[in-house]
Amino acid sequence: QMKHNIALMDYANRNNITLAQAKTQLAKTAMTLQAQRDLNAADNAVDLHKHHNPSPTDAPSRKQPEHLNPRTAAKPLAQTPGRAPNGRGFAQ
């Protein structure tokens, strides 16, 4: 703790700033470095996940049956053609 305080005072004297300004700069730098470390850790975790779990677009090309394709909309079982009168959309 004593070495930290001496180094902080030495830094403030060398840069002709107050001790409060030196503490502010130190805190700002510490927060920036912590944020970078957190973002890098998250990015590395995503890269590792992608490496172990390749996306479907990276997989060998296999045609999936149309009824199993999640991107196609299911056709309604019974839908009458036309349009219900206003206010009666759910009743008819």
PDB file of N, CA and C in Angstrom:
ATOM      1  N   GLN A   1       0.836  -1.185   0.000  1.00  0.00           N
ATOM      2  CA  GLN A   1       0.000   0.000   0.000  1.00  0.00           C
ATOM      3  C   GLN A   1       0.879   1.245   0.000  1.00  0.00           C
ATOM      4  N   MET A   2       1.952   1.219   0.799  1.00  0.00           N
ATOM      5  CA  MET A   2       2.836   2.369   0.882  1.00  0.00           C
ATOM      6  C   MET A   2       3.538   2.624  -0.447  1.00  0.00           C
ATOM      7  N   LYS A   3       3.982   1.543  -1.103  1.00  0.00           N
ATOM      8  CA  LYS A   3       4.636   1.684  -2.414  1.00  0.00           C
ATOM      9  C   LYS A   3       3.665   2.266  -3.433  1.00  0.00           C
ATOM     10  N   HIS A   4       2.415   1.844  -3.358  1.00  0.00           N
ATOM     11  CA  HIS A   4       1.375   2.353  -4.264  1.00  0.00           C
ATOM     12  C   HIS A   4       1.203   3.859  -4.084  1.00  0.00           C
ATOM     13  N   ASN A   5       1.090   4.304  -2.833  1.00  0.00           N
ATOM     14  CA  ASN A   5       0.913   5.734  -2.560  1.00  0.00           C
ATOM     15  C   ASN A   5       2.121   6.545  -3.020  1.00  0.00           C
ATOM     16  N   ILE A   6       3.317   6.037  -2.793  1.00  0.00           N
ATOM     17  CA  ILE A   6       4.528   6.749  -3.221  1.00  0.00           C
ATOM     18  C   ILE A   6       4.585   6.838  -4.744  1.00  0.00           C
ATOM     19  N   ALA A   7       4.257   5.738  -5.423  1.00  0.00           N
ATOM     20  CA  ALA A   7       4.260   5.746  -6.885  1.00  0.00           C
ATOM     21  C   ALA A   7       3.209   6.704  -7.426  1.00  0.00           C
ATOM     22  N   LEU A   8       2.062   6.767  -6.782  1.00  0.00           N
ATOM     23  CA  LEU A   8       0.995   7.673  -7.204  1.00  0.00           C
ATOM     24  C   LEU A   8       1.423   9.130  -7.027  1.00  0.00           C
ATOM     25  N   MET A   9       2.055   9.459  -5.911  1.00  0.00           N
ATOM     26  CA  MET A   9       2.534  10.828  -5.680  1.00  0.00           C
ATOM     27  C   MET A   9       3.654  11.181  -6.660  1.00  0.00           C
ATOM     28  N   ASP A  10       4.537  10.235  -6.926  1.00  0.00           N
ATOM     29  CA  ASP A  10       5.618  10.463  -7.878  1.00  0.00           C
ATOM     30  C   ASP A  10       5.050  10.739  -9.271  1.00  0.00           C
ATOM     31  N   TYR A  11       4.041   9.969  -9.680  1.00  0.00           N
ATOM     32  CA  TYR A  11       3.387  10.174 -10.976  1.00  0.00           C
ATOM     33  C   TYR A  11       2.742  11.553 -11.042  1.00  0.00           C
ATOM     34  N   ALA A  12       2.056  11.947  -9.981  1.00  0.00           N
ATOM     35  CA  ALA A  12       1.401  13.263  -9.955  1.00  0.00           C
ATOM     36  C   ALA A  12       2.438  14.382 -10.041  1.00  0.00           C
ATOM     37  N   ASN A  13       3.559  14.246  -9.340  1.00  0.00           N
ATOM     38  CA  ASN A  13       4.601  15.282  -9.385  1.00  0.00           C
ATOM     39  C   ASN A  13       5.252  15.358 -10.761  1.00  0.00           C
ATOM     40  N   ARG A  14       5.515  14.222 -11.396  1.00  0.00           N
ATOM     41  CA  ARG A  14       6.147  14.226 -12.718  1.00  0.00           C
ATOM     42  C   ARG A  14       5.266  14.871 -13.770  1.00  0.00           C
ATOM     43  N   ASN A  15       3.950  14.677 -13.674  1.00  0.00           N
ATOM     44  CA  ASN A  15       3.023  15.206 -14.681  1.00  0.00           C
ATOM     45  C   ASN A  15       2.390  16.530 -14.272  1.00  0.00           C
ATOM     46  N   ASN A  16       2.825  17.108 -13.174  1.00  0.00           N
ATOM     47  CA  ASN A  16       2.316  18.398 -12.686  1.00  0.00           C
ATOM     48  C   ASN A  16       0.790  18.406 -12.564  1.00  0.00           C
ATOM     49  N   ILE A  17       0.271  17.366 -11.928  1.00  0.00           N
ATOM     50  CA  ILE A  17      -1.174  17.290 -11.675  1.00  0.00           C
ATOM     51  C   ILE A  17      -1.382  17.026 -10.195  1.00  0.00           C
ATOM     52  N   THR A  18      -2.619  17.242  -9.764  1.00  0.00           N
ATOM     53  CA  THR A  18      -2.923  17.006  -8.355  1.00  0.00           C
ATOM     54  C   THR A  18      -3.061  15.506  -8.103  1.00  0.00           C
ATOM     55  N   LEU A  19      -3.044  15.142  -6.848  1.00  0.00           N
ATOM     56  CA  LEU A  19      -3.182  13.738  -6.467  1.00  0.00           C
ATOM     57  C   LEU A  19      -4.565  13.210  -6.864  1.00  0.00           C
ATOM     58  N   ALA A  20      -5.587  14.055  -6.752  1.00  0.00           N
ATOM     59  CA  ALA A  20      -6.947  13.646  -7.126  1.00  0.00           C
ATOM     60  C   ALA A  20      -7.023  13.368  -8.630  1.00  0.00           C
ATOM     61  N   GLN A  21      -6.372  14.208  -9.439  1.00  0.00           N
ATOM     62  CA  GLN A  21      -6.372  13.980 -10.884  1.00  0.00           C
ATOM     63  C   GLN A  21      -5.624  12.696 -11.236  1.00  0.00           C
ATOM     64  N   ALA A  22      -4.534  12.425 -10.531  1.00  0.00           N
ATOM     65  CA  ALA A  22      -3.774  11.196 -10.766  1.00  0.00           C
ATOM     66  C   ALA A  22      -4.622   9.973 -10.418  1.00  0.00           C
ATOM     67  N   LYS A  23      -5.360  10.054  -9.311  1.00  0.00           N
ATOM     68  CA  LYS A  23      -6.235   8.942  -8.926  1.00  0.00           C
ATOM     69  C   LYS A  23      -7.342   8.742  -9.961  1.00  0.00           C
ATOM     70  N   THR A  24      -7.866   9.857 -10.484  1.00  0.00           N
ATOM     71  CA  THR A  24      -8.913   9.787 -11.497  1.00  0.00           C
ATOM     72  C   THR A  24      -8.394   9.102 -12.755  1.00  0.00           C
ATOM     73  N   GLN A  25      -7.194   9.509 -13.202  1.00  0.00           N
ATOM     74  CA  GLN A  25      -6.608   8.892 -14.387  1.00  0.00           C
ATOM     75  C   GLN A  25      -6.336   7.405 -14.167  1.00  0.00           C
ATOM     76  N   LEU A  26      -5.856   7.076 -12.997  1.00  0.00           N
ATOM     77  CA  LEU A  26      -5.580   5.678 -12.676  1.00  0.00           C
ATOM     78  C   LEU A  26      -6.876   4.849 -12.682  1.00  0.00           C
ATOM     79  N   ALA A  27      -7.931   5.387 -12.098  1.00  0.00           N
ATOM     80  CA  ALA A  27      -9.214   4.679 -12.067  1.00  0.00           C
ATOM     81  C   ALA A  27      -9.776   4.507 -13.477  1.00  0.00           C
ATOM     82  N   LYS A  28      -9.656   5.562 -14.297  1.00  0.00           N
ATOM     83  CA  LYS A  28     -10.160   5.494 -15.675  1.00  0.00           C
ATOM     84  C   LYS A  28      -9.396   4.428 -16.460  1.00  0.00           C
ATOM     85  N   THR A  29      -8.073   4.415 -16.317  1.00  0.00           N
ATOM     86  CA  THR A  29      -7.266   3.414 -17.010  1.00  0.00           C
ATOM     87  C   THR A  29      -7.597   2.007 -16.527  1.00  0.00           C
ATOM     88  N   ALA A  30      -7.787   1.851 -15.233  1.00  0.00           N
ATOM     89  CA  ALA A  30      -8.130   0.541 -14.679  1.00  0.00           C
ATOM     90  C   ALA A  30      -9.470   0.055 -15.212  1.00  0.00           C
ATOM     91  N   MET A  31     -10.457   0.949 -15.310  1.00  0.00           N
ATOM     92  CA  MET A  31     -11.770   0.560 -15.824  1.00  0.00           C
ATOM     93  C   MET A  31     -11.681   0.187 -17.302  1.00  0.00           C
ATOM     94  N   THR A  32     -10.899   0.937 -18.074  1.00  0.00           N
ATOM     95  CA  THR A  32     -10.738   0.636 -19.489  1.00  0.00           C
ATOM     96  C   THR A  32     -10.099  -0.737 -19.678  1.00  0.00           C
ATOM     97  N   LEU A  33      -9.048  -1.000 -18.923  1.00  0.00           N
ATOM     98  CA  LEU A  33      -8.379  -2.291 -19.037  1.00  0.00           C
ATOM     99  C   LEU A  33      -9.282  -3.446 -18.604  1.00  0.00           C
ATOM    100  N   GLN A  34     -10.068  -3.230 -17.555  1.00  0.00           N
ATOM    101  CA  GLN A  34     -10.994  -4.262 -17.090  1.00  0.00           C
ATOM    102  C   GLN A  34     -12.053  -4.548 -18.155  1.00  0.00           C
ATOM    103  N   ALA A  35     -12.569  -3.488 -18.784  1.00  0.00           N
ATOM    104  CA  ALA A  35     -13.574  -3.670 -19.835  1.00  0.00           C
ATOM    105  C   ALA A  35     -12.975  -4.432 -21.016  1.00  0.00           C
ATOM    106  N   GLN A  36     -11.752  -4.076 -21.409  1.00  0.00           N
ATOM    107  CA  GLN A  36     -11.098  -4.787 -22.503  1.00  0.00           C
ATOM    108  C   GLN A  36     -10.884  -6.260 -22.154  1.00  0.00           C
ATOM    109  N   ARG A  37     -10.488  -6.535 -20.937  1.00  0.00           N
ATOM    110  CA  ARG A  37     -10.263  -7.910 -20.510  1.00  0.00           C
ATOM    111  C   ARG A  37     -11.577  -8.696 -20.548  1.00  0.00           C
ATOM    112  N   ASP A  38     -12.665  -8.081 -20.071  1.00  0.00           N
ATOM    113  CA  ASP A  38     -13.957  -8.759 -20.083  1.00  0.00           C
ATOM    114  C   ASP A  38     -14.434  -9.027 -21.501  1.00  0.00           C
ATOM    115  N   LEU A  39     -14.284  -8.028 -22.381  1.00  0.00           N
ATOM    116  CA  LEU A  39     -14.721  -8.205 -23.768  1.00  0.00           C
ATOM    117  C   LEU A  39     -13.881  -9.266 -24.476  1.00  0.00           C
ATOM    118  N   ASN A  40     -12.592  -9.270 -24.222  1.00  0.00           N
ATOM    119  CA  ASN A  40     -11.743 -10.285 -24.836  1.00  0.00           C
ATOM    120  C   ASN A  40     -12.090 -11.682 -24.334  1.00  0.00           C
ATOM    121  N   ALA A  41     -12.392 -11.795 -23.055  1.00  0.00           N
ATOM    122  CA  ALA A  41     -12.774 -13.098 -22.507  1.00  0.00           C
ATOM    123  C   ALA A  41     -14.077 -13.584 -23.143  1.00  0.00           C
ATOM    124  N   ALA A  42     -15.038 -12.675 -23.300  1.00  0.00           N
ATOM    125  CA  ALA A  42     -16.309 -13.046 -23.922  1.00  0.00           C
ATOM    126  C   ALA A  42     -16.102 -13.421 -25.387  1.00  0.00           C
ATOM    127  N   ASP A  43     -15.269 -12.662 -26.082  1.00  0.00           N
ATOM    128  CA  ASP A  43     -14.992 -12.936 -27.490  1.00  0.00           C
ATOM    129  C   ASP A  43     -14.292 -14.282 -27.654  1.00  0.00           C
ATOM    130  N   ASN A  44     -13.354 -14.569 -26.767  1.00  0.00           N
ATOM    131  CA  ASN A  44     -12.666 -15.858 -26.825  1.00  0.00           C
ATOM    132  C   ASN A  44     -13.620 -17.009 -26.540  1.00  0.00           C
ATOM    133  N   ALA A  45     -14.565 -16.796 -25.633  1.00  0.00           N
ATOM    134  CA  ALA A  45     -15.545 -17.845 -25.327  1.00  0.00           C
ATOM    135  C   ALA A  45     -16.431 -18.109 -26.541  1.00  0.00           C
ATOM    136  N   VAL A  46     -16.825 -17.048 -27.247  1.00  0.00           N
ATOM    137  CA  VAL A  46     -17.653 -17.217 -28.448  1.00  0.00           C
ATOM    138  C   VAL A  46     -16.861 -17.944 -29.528  1.00  0.00           C
ATOM    139  N   ASP A  47     -15.595 -17.558 -29.719  1.00  0.00           N
ATOM    140  CA  ASP A  47     -14.764 -18.231 -30.717  1.00  0.00           C
ATOM    141  C   ASP A  47     -14.585 -19.711 -30.386  1.00  0.00           C
ATOM    142  N   LEU A  48     -14.387 -20.011 -29.124  1.00  0.00           N
ATOM    143  CA  LEU A  48     -14.233 -21.399 -28.710  1.00  0.00           C
ATOM    144  C   LEU A  48     -15.519 -22.181 -28.954  1.00  0.00           C
ATOM    145  N   HIS A  49     -16.654 -21.550 -28.677  1.00  0.00           N
ATOM    146  CA  HIS A  49     -17.951 -22.191 -28.907  1.00  0.00           C
ATOM    147  C   HIS A  49     -18.140 -22.464 -30.397  1.00  0.00           C
ATOM    148  N   LYS A  50     -17.782 -21.469 -31.233  1.00  0.00           N
ATOM    149  CA  LYS A  50     -17.927 -21.654 -32.676  1.00  0.00           C
ATOM    150  C   LYS A  50     -17.014 -22.764 -33.179  1.00  0.00           C
ATOM    151  N   HIS A  51     -15.845 -22.875 -32.579  1.00  0.00           N
ATOM    152  CA  HIS A  51     -14.906 -23.900 -33.010  1.00  0.00           C
ATOM    153  C   HIS A  51     -15.449 -25.301 -32.718  1.00  0.00           C
ATOM    154  N   HIS A  52     -16.077 -25.470 -31.561  1.00  0.00           N
ATOM    155  CA  HIS A  52     -16.588 -26.781 -31.178  1.00  0.00           C
ATOM    156  C   HIS A  52     -17.977 -27.054 -31.730  1.00  0.00           C
ATOM    157  N   ASN A  53     -18.709 -26.002 -32.102  1.00  0.00           N
ATOM    158  CA  ASN A  53     -20.068 -26.152 -32.617  1.00  0.00           C
ATOM    159  C   ASN A  53     -20.181 -25.379 -33.922  1.00  0.00           C
ATOM    160  N   PRO A  54     -19.783 -25.973 -35.045  1.00  0.00           N
ATOM    161  CA  PRO A  54     -19.835 -25.231 -36.311  1.00  0.00           C
ATOM    162  C   PRO A  54     -21.276 -24.901 -36.685  1.00  0.00           C
ATOM    163  N   SER A  55     -21.434 -23.789 -37.368  1.00  0.00           N
ATOM    164  CA  SER A  55     -22.771 -23.371 -37.778  1.00  0.00           C
ATOM    165  C   SER A  55     -23.273 -24.282 -38.889  1.00  0.00           C
ATOM    166  N   PRO A  56     -24.591 -24.331 -39.096  1.00  0.00           N
ATOM    167  CA  PRO A  56     -25.142 -25.200 -40.148  1.00  0.00           C
ATOM    168  C   PRO A  56     -24.634 -24.827 -41.536  1.00  0.00           C
ATOM    169  N   THR A  57     -24.262 -23.579 -41.746  1.00  0.00           N
ATOM    170  CA  THR A  57     -23.764 -23.178 -43.059  1.00  0.00           C
ATOM    171  C   THR A  57     -22.370 -23.732 -43.313  1.00  0.00           C
ATOM    172  N   ASP A  58     -21.617 -24.063 -42.246  1.00  0.00           N
ATOM    173  CA  ASP A  58     -20.291 -24.641 -42.398  1.00  0.00           C
ATOM    174  C   ASP A  58     -20.346 -26.156 -42.583  1.00  0.00           C
ATOM    175  N   ALA A  59     -21.473 -26.759 -42.269  1.00  0.00           N
ATOM    176  CA  ALA A  59     -21.600 -28.209 -42.350  1.00  0.00           C
ATOM    177  C   ALA A  59     -21.660 -28.640 -43.813  1.00  0.00           C
ATOM    178  N   PRO A  60     -21.379 -29.897 -44.084  1.00  0.00           N
ATOM    179  CA  PRO A  60     -21.495 -30.385 -45.457  1.00  0.00           C
ATOM    180  C   PRO A  60     -22.917 -30.200 -45.961  1.00  0.00           C
ATOM    181  N   SER A  61     -23.039 -29.940 -47.233  1.00  0.00           N
ATOM    182  CA  SER A  61     -24.338 -29.631 -47.819  1.00  0.00           C
ATOM    183  C   SER A  61     -25.196 -30.894 -47.900  1.00  0.00           C
ATOM    184  N   ARG A  62     -26.247 -30.920 -47.123  1.00  0.00           N
ATOM    185  CA  ARG A  62     -27.230 -31.989 -47.156  1.00  0.00           C
ATOM    186  C   ARG A  62     -28.591 -31.337 -47.272  1.00  0.00           C
ATOM    187  N   LYS A  63     -29.352 -31.736 -48.242  1.00  0.00           N
ATOM    188  CA  LYS A  63     -30.675 -31.169 -48.438  1.00  0.00           C
ATOM    189  C   LYS A  63     -31.616 -31.727 -47.380  1.00  0.00           C
ATOM    190  N   GLN A  64     -32.238 -30.815 -46.635  1.00  0.00           N
ATOM    191  CA  GLN A  64     -33.169 -31.227 -45.587  1.00  0.00           C
ATOM    192  C   GLN A  64     -34.561 -31.324 -46.192  1.00  0.00           C
ATOM    193  N   PRO A  65     -35.330 -32.337 -45.805  1.00  0.00           N
ATOM    194  CA  PRO A  65     -36.702 -32.429 -46.333  1.00  0.00           C
ATOM    195  C   PRO A  65     -37.493 -31.162 -46.010  1.00  0.00           C
ATOM    196  N   GLU A  66     -38.345 -30.791 -46.937  1.00  0.00           N
ATOM    197  CA  GLU A  66     -39.082 -29.525 -46.818  1.00  0.00           C
ATOM    198  C   GLU A  66     -39.942 -29.474 -45.559  1.00  0.00           C
ATOM    199  N   HIS A  67     -40.544 -30.594 -45.164  1.00  0.00           N
ATOM    200  CA  HIS A  67     -41.411 -30.580 -43.988  1.00  0.00           C
ATOM    201  C   HIS A  67     -40.628 -30.447 -42.677  1.00  0.00           C
ATOM    202  N   LEU A  68     -39.305 -30.683 -42.712  1.00  0.00           N
ATOM    203  CA  LEU A  68     -38.480 -30.527 -41.517  1.00  0.00           C
ATOM    204  C   LEU A  68     -37.746 -29.190 -41.483  1.00  0.00           C
ATOM    205  N   ASN A  69     -37.837 -28.417 -42.528  1.00  0.00           N
ATOM    206  CA  ASN A  69     -37.123 -27.144 -42.604  1.00  0.00           C
ATOM    207  C   ASN A  69     -37.808 -26.122 -41.693  1.00  0.00           C
ATOM    208  N   PRO A  70     -37.113 -25.605 -40.685  1.00  0.00           N
ATOM    209  CA  PRO A  70     -37.750 -24.661 -39.760  1.00  0.00           C
ATOM    210  C   PRO A  70     -37.996 -23.286 -40.373  1.00  0.00           C
ATOM    211  N   ARG A  71     -37.413 -23.012 -41.534  1.00  0.00           N
ATOM    212  CA  ARG A  71     -37.557 -21.681 -42.131  1.00  0.00           C
ATOM    213  C   ARG A  71     -38.815 -21.558 -42.985  1.00  0.00           C
ATOM    214  N   THR A  72     -39.479 -22.654 -43.269  1.00  0.00           N
ATOM    215  CA  THR A  72     -40.703 -22.575 -44.056  1.00  0.00           C
ATOM    216  C   THR A  72     -41.896 -22.457 -43.124  1.00  0.00           C
ATOM    217  N   ALA A  73     -42.839 -21.663 -43.520  1.00  0.00           N
ATOM    218  CA  ALA A  73     -44.029 -21.463 -42.695  1.00  0.00           C
ATOM    219  C   ALA A  73     -44.962 -22.662 -42.862  1.00  0.00           C
ATOM    220  N   ALA A  74     -45.538 -23.083 -41.771  1.00  0.00           N
ATOM    221  CA  ALA A  74     -46.483 -24.192 -41.819  1.00  0.00           C
ATOM    222  C   ALA A  74     -47.788 -23.722 -42.433  1.00  0.00           C
ATOM    223  N   LYS A  75     -48.359 -24.558 -43.286  1.00  0.00           N
ATOM    224  CA  LYS A  75     -49.633 -24.209 -43.907  1.00  0.00           C
ATOM    225  C   LYS A  75     -50.752 -24.551 -42.934  1.00  0.00           C
ATOM    226  N   PRO A  76     -51.716 -23.656 -42.796  1.00  0.00           N
ATOM    227  CA  PRO A  76     -52.820 -23.942 -41.880  1.00  0.00           C
ATOM    228  C   PRO A  76     -53.621 -25.148 -42.361  1.00  0.00           C
ATOM    229  N   LEU A  77     -54.123 -25.916 -41.415  1.00  0.00           N
ATOM    230  CA  LEU A  77     -54.868 -27.126 -41.751  1.00  0.00           C
ATOM    231  C   LEU A  77     -56.182 -26.802 -42.442  1.00  0.00           C
ATOM    232  N   ALA A  78     -56.916 -25.861 -41.919  1.00  0.00           N
ATOM    233  CA  ALA A  78     -58.198 -25.503 -42.515  1.00  0.00           C
ATOM    234  C   ALA A  78     -58.332 -23.987 -42.491  1.00  0.00           C
ATOM    235  N   GLN A  79     -58.297 -23.396 -43.664  1.00  0.00           N
ATOM    236  CA  GLN A  79     -58.465 -21.952 -43.741  1.00  0.00           C
ATOM    237  C   GLN A  79     -59.371 -21.660 -44.920  1.00  0.00           C
ATOM    238  N   THR A  80     -60.474 -21.003 -44.612  1.00  0.00           N
ATOM    239  CA  THR A  80     -61.412 -20.684 -45.675  1.00  0.00           C
ATOM    240  C   THR A  80     -60.895 -19.503 -46.472  1.00  0.00           C
ATOM    241  N   PRO A  81     -61.103 -19.516 -47.769  1.00  0.00           N
ATOM    242  CA  PRO A  81     -60.652 -18.391 -48.583  1.00  0.00           C
ATOM    243  C   PRO A  81     -61.500 -17.164 -48.314  1.00  0.00           C
ATOM    244  N   GLY A  82     -60.945 -16.017 -48.554  1.00  0.00           N
ATOM    245  CA  GLY A  82     -61.687 -14.781 -48.372  1.00  0.00           C
ATOM    246  C   GLY A  82     -61.324 -14.085 -47.089  1.00  0.00           C
ATOM    247  N   ARG A  83     -62.150 -13.110 -46.756  1.00  0.00           N
ATOM    248  CA  ARG A  83     -61.849 -12.269 -45.609  1.00  0.00           C
ATOM    249  C   ARG A  83     -63.098 -12.154 -44.738  1.00  0.00           C
ATOM    250  N   ALA A  84     -62.898 -12.213 -43.429  1.00  0.00           N
ATOM    251  CA  ALA A  84     -64.028 -12.064 -42.506  1.00  0.00           C
ATOM    252  C   ALA A  84     -64.403 -10.601 -42.419  1.00  0.00           C
ATOM    253  N   PRO A  85     -65.682 -10.316 -42.127  1.00  0.00           N
ATOM    254  CA  PRO A  85     -66.094  -8.912 -41.985  1.00  0.00           C
ATOM    255  C   PRO A  85     -65.346  -8.254 -40.812  1.00  0.00           C
ATOM    256  N   ASN A  86     -65.251  -6.947 -40.854  1.00  0.00           N
ATOM    257  CA  ASN A  86     -64.568  -6.207 -39.806  1.00  0.00           C
ATOM    258  C   ASN A  86     -65.168  -6.529 -38.435  1.00  0.00           C
ATOM    259  N   GLY A  87     -64.319  -6.795 -37.493  1.00  0.00           N
ATOM    260  CA  GLY A  87     -64.752  -7.103 -36.139  1.00  0.00           C
ATOM    261  C   GLY A  87     -65.083  -8.568 -35.926  1.00  0.00           C
ATOM    262  N   ARG A  88     -65.041  -9.380 -36.967  1.00  0.00           N
ATOM    263  CA  ARG A  88     -65.424 -10.778 -36.863  1.00  0.00           C
ATOM    264  C   ARG A  88     -64.257 -11.709 -37.213  1.00  0.00           C
ATOM    265  N   GLY A  89     -62.997 -11.204 -37.162  1.00  0.00           N
ATOM    266  CA  GLY A  89     -61.832 -11.974 -37.587  1.00  0.00           C
ATOM    267  C   GLY A  89     -61.607 -13.232 -36.787  1.00  0.00           C
ATOM    268  N   PHE A  90     -61.867 -13.180 -35.498  1.00  0.00           N
ATOM    269  CA  PHE A  90     -61.613 -14.353 -34.660  1.00  0.00           C
ATOM    270  C   PHE A  90     -62.840 -15.272 -34.580  1.00  0.00           C
ATOM    271  N   ALA A  91     -63.989 -14.738 -34.902  1.00  0.00           N
ATOM    272  CA  ALA A  91     -65.223 -15.530 -34.795  1.00  0.00           C
ATOM    273  C   ALA A  91     -65.447 -16.378 -36.037  1.00  0.00           C
ATOM    274  N   GLN A  92     -64.978 -15.915 -37.173  1.00  0.00           N
ATOM    275  CA  GLN A  92     -65.256 -16.658 -38.406  1.00  0.00           C
ATOM    276  C   GLN A  92     -63.995 -17.191 -38.996  1.00  0.00           C
TER     277      GLN A  92
END
